[in-house]
C-alpha atoms as a PDB file:
ATOM      1  CA  MET A   1      -1.406  -3.130   4.461  1.00  0.00           C
ATOM      2  CA  ASP A   2       0.653  -1.841   1.281  1.00  0.00           C
ATOM      3  CA  ASP A   3       2.617  -4.429   0.016  1.00  0.00           C
ATOM      4  CA  LYS A   4       5.560  -1.722  -1.148  1.00  0.00           C
ATOM      5  CA  VAL A   5       8.438  -0.218   0.535  1.00  0.00           C
ATOM      6  CA  LYS A   6      10.196   2.986   0.020  1.00  0.00           C
ATOM      7  CA  ILE A   7      13.924   2.924  -1.032  1.00  0.00           C
ATOM      8  CA  ARG A   8      15.963   5.961  -1.047  1.00  0.00           C
ATOM      9  CA  CYS A   9      18.416   6.197  -3.569  1.00  0.00           C
ATOM     10  CA  PRO A  10      21.964   7.008  -2.320  1.00  0.00           C
ATOM     11  CA  ALA A  11      23.063   9.188  -5.104  1.00  0.00           C
ATOM     12  CA  CYS A  12      20.205  11.230  -5.931  1.00  0.00           C
ATOM     13  CA  THR A  13      18.250  11.233  -2.816  1.00  0.00           C
ATOM     14  CA  ARG A  14      14.549  10.453  -4.498  1.00  0.00           C
ATOM     15  CA  MET A  15      12.524   7.797  -3.334  1.00  0.00           C
ATOM     16  CA  PHE A  16      10.837   5.047  -5.020  1.00  0.00           C
ATOM     17  CA  ARG A  17       9.053   1.975  -4.348  1.00  0.00           C
ATOM     18  CA  GLU A  18       9.619  -1.614  -4.752  1.00  0.00           C
ATOM     19  CA  LYS A  19       7.839  -5.072  -3.544  1.00  0.00           C
ATOM     20  CA  ALA A  20       8.536  -6.039  -0.295  1.00  0.00           C
ATOM     21  CA  ASN A  21       8.563 -10.130  -1.181  1.00  0.00           C
ATOM     22  CA  ARG A  22      11.249  -8.902  -3.718  1.00  0.00           C
ATOM     23  CA  ILE A  23      13.494  -7.120  -1.119  1.00  0.00           C
ATOM     24  CA  ARG A  24      15.926  -9.301   0.696  1.00  0.00           C
ATOM     25  CA  ASP A  25      19.900  -8.817   1.770  1.00  0.00           C
ATOM     26  CA  GLY A  26      21.908  -8.732  -1.410  1.00  0.00           C
ATOM     27  CA  PHE A  27      19.167  -8.013  -3.464  1.00  0.00           C
ATOM     28  CA  GLN A  28      20.040  -5.473  -6.369  1.00  0.00           C
ATOM     29  CA  VAL A  29      17.678  -2.794  -8.106  1.00  0.00           C
ATOM     30  CA  ASN A  30      18.124   0.229 -10.377  1.00  0.00           C
ATOM     31  CA  CYS A  31      17.116   3.730  -9.342  1.00  0.00           C
ATOM     32  CA  GLN A  32      14.502   4.830 -10.776  1.00  0.00           C
ATOM     33  CA  ASN A  33      15.431   8.274 -11.019  1.00  0.00           C
ATOM     34  CA  CYS A  34      19.070   8.249 -11.955  1.00  0.00           C
ATOM     35  CA  ASN A  35      18.884   4.392 -13.275  1.00  0.00           C
ATOM     36  CA  LYS A  36      21.833   4.077 -10.621  1.00  0.00           C
ATOM     37  CA  LEU A  37      22.295   0.199  -9.236  1.00  0.00           C
ATOM     38  CA  ILE A  38      21.700  -0.016  -5.534  1.00  0.00           C
ATOM     39  CA  THR A  39      22.651  -2.878  -3.722  1.00  0.00           C
ATOM     40  CA  LEU A  40      20.768  -3.348  -0.865  1.00  0.00           C
ATOM     41  CA  SER A  41      22.415  -5.259   2.291  1.00  0.00           C
ATOM     42  CA  LYS A  42      22.270  -5.128   5.900  1.00  0.00           C
ATOM     43  CA  GLU A  43      25.928  -4.278   6.522  1.00  0.00           C
ATOM     44  CA  ALA A  44      25.574  -0.938   4.360  1.00  0.00           C
ATOM     45  CA  GLU A  45      26.454   2.210   6.237  1.00  0.00           C
ATOM     46  CA  ASP A  46      23.385   3.890   4.544  1.00  0.00           C
ATOM     47  CA  PRO A  47      20.726   3.798   7.440  1.00  0.00           C
ATOM     48  CA  PHE A  48      18.043   4.343   5.001  1.00  0.00           C
ATOM     49  CA  ILE A  49      18.966   0.880   3.356  1.00  0.00           C
ATOM     50  CA  ARG A  50      18.887  -0.919   6.213  1.00  0.00           C
ATOM     51  CA  ARG A  51      15.366   0.703   7.388  1.00  0.00           C
ATOM     52  CA  THR A  52      14.279  -0.337   3.595  1.00  0.00           C
ATOM     53  CA  LEU A  53      15.709  -4.192   5.026  1.00  0.00           C
ATOM     54  CA  LYS A  54      13.690  -4.019   8.128  1.00  0.00           C
ATOM     55  CA  MET A  55      10.475  -2.762   6.675  1.00  0.00           C
ATOM     56  CA  ALA A  56      10.237  -5.301   4.076  1.00  0.00           C
ATOM     57  CA  ARG A  57      11.116  -8.091   6.340  1.00  0.00           C
ATOM     58  CA  GLU A  58       8.374  -6.586   9.202  1.00  0.00           C
ATOM     59  CA  ILE A  59       5.714  -6.364   6.028  1.00  0.00           C
ATOM     60  CA  ARG A  60       6.720 -10.052   4.881  1.00  0.00           C
ATOM     61  CA  ALA A  61       6.068 -11.549   8.592  1.00  0.00           C
ATOM     62  CA  ALA A  62       2.998  -9.737   9.000  1.00  0.00           C
ATOM     63  CA  LYS A  63       1.920 -11.004   5.706  1.00  0.00           C
ATOM     64  CA  GLU A  64       2.764 -14.593   6.559  1.00  0.00           C
ATOM     65  CA  ALA A  65       1.040 -14.332   9.845  1.00  0.00           C
ATOM     66  CA  GLU A  66      -1.892 -13.067   8.303  1.00  0.00           C
ATOM     67  CA  LEU A  67      -2.002 -16.244   6.063  1.00  0.00           C
ATOM     68  CA  VAL A  68      -1.425 -18.487   8.709  1.00  0.00           C
ATOM     69  CA  ALA A  69      -4.364 -16.946  10.839  1.00  0.00           C
ATOM     70  CA  ALA A  70      -6.465 -17.138   8.020  1.00  0.00           C
ATOM     71  CA  THR A  71      -5.765 -20.861   7.169  1.00  0.00           C
ATOM     72  CA  TYR A  72      -6.090 -21.933  10.858  1.00  0.00           C
ATOM     73  CA  ALA A  73      -9.495 -19.846  10.985  1.00  0.00           C
ATOM     74  CA  GLY A  74     -10.661 -21.835   7.833  1.00  0.00           C
ATOM     75  CA  VAL A  75      -9.738 -24.723   9.447  1.00  0.00           C
ATOM     76  CA  ALA A  76     -11.278 -24.408  12.836  1.00  0.00           C
ATOM     77  CA  SER A  77     -14.598 -23.094  11.265  1.00  0.00           C
ATOM     78  CA  ALA A  78     -15.303 -25.881   9.037  1.00  0.00           C
ATOM     79  CA  PRO A  79     -18.066 -27.987   9.740  1.00  0.00           C
ATOM     80  CA  LYS A  80     -17.818 -31.494  10.680  1.00  0.00           C
ATOM     81  CA  ARG A  81     -18.438 -34.105   8.135  1.00  0.00           C
ATOM     82  CA  GLU A  82     -21.015 -36.335   8.847  1.00  0.00           C
ATOM     83  CA  THR A  83     -20.045 -40.101   8.683  1.00  0.00           C
ATOM     84  CA  SER A  84     -22.917 -42.798   8.013  1.00  0.00           C
END
């Protein structure tokens, strides 16, 4: 799974990518094409910005679930310690 999400600039309508664990409500990023400051907010009127926030949240949740599953699988499959 890729850990980056696409962001569409409302000014120049070009796409660029940013890491999902950085994308949160209120995050600000400069467009890599036109250098305009974009504020990502869940109250934004632009559906592409709301979709970006949703995808970042889903990717973070999937990564966390994967980490938890790997952690518990490692604990359950560990050999029992011998006591003397």
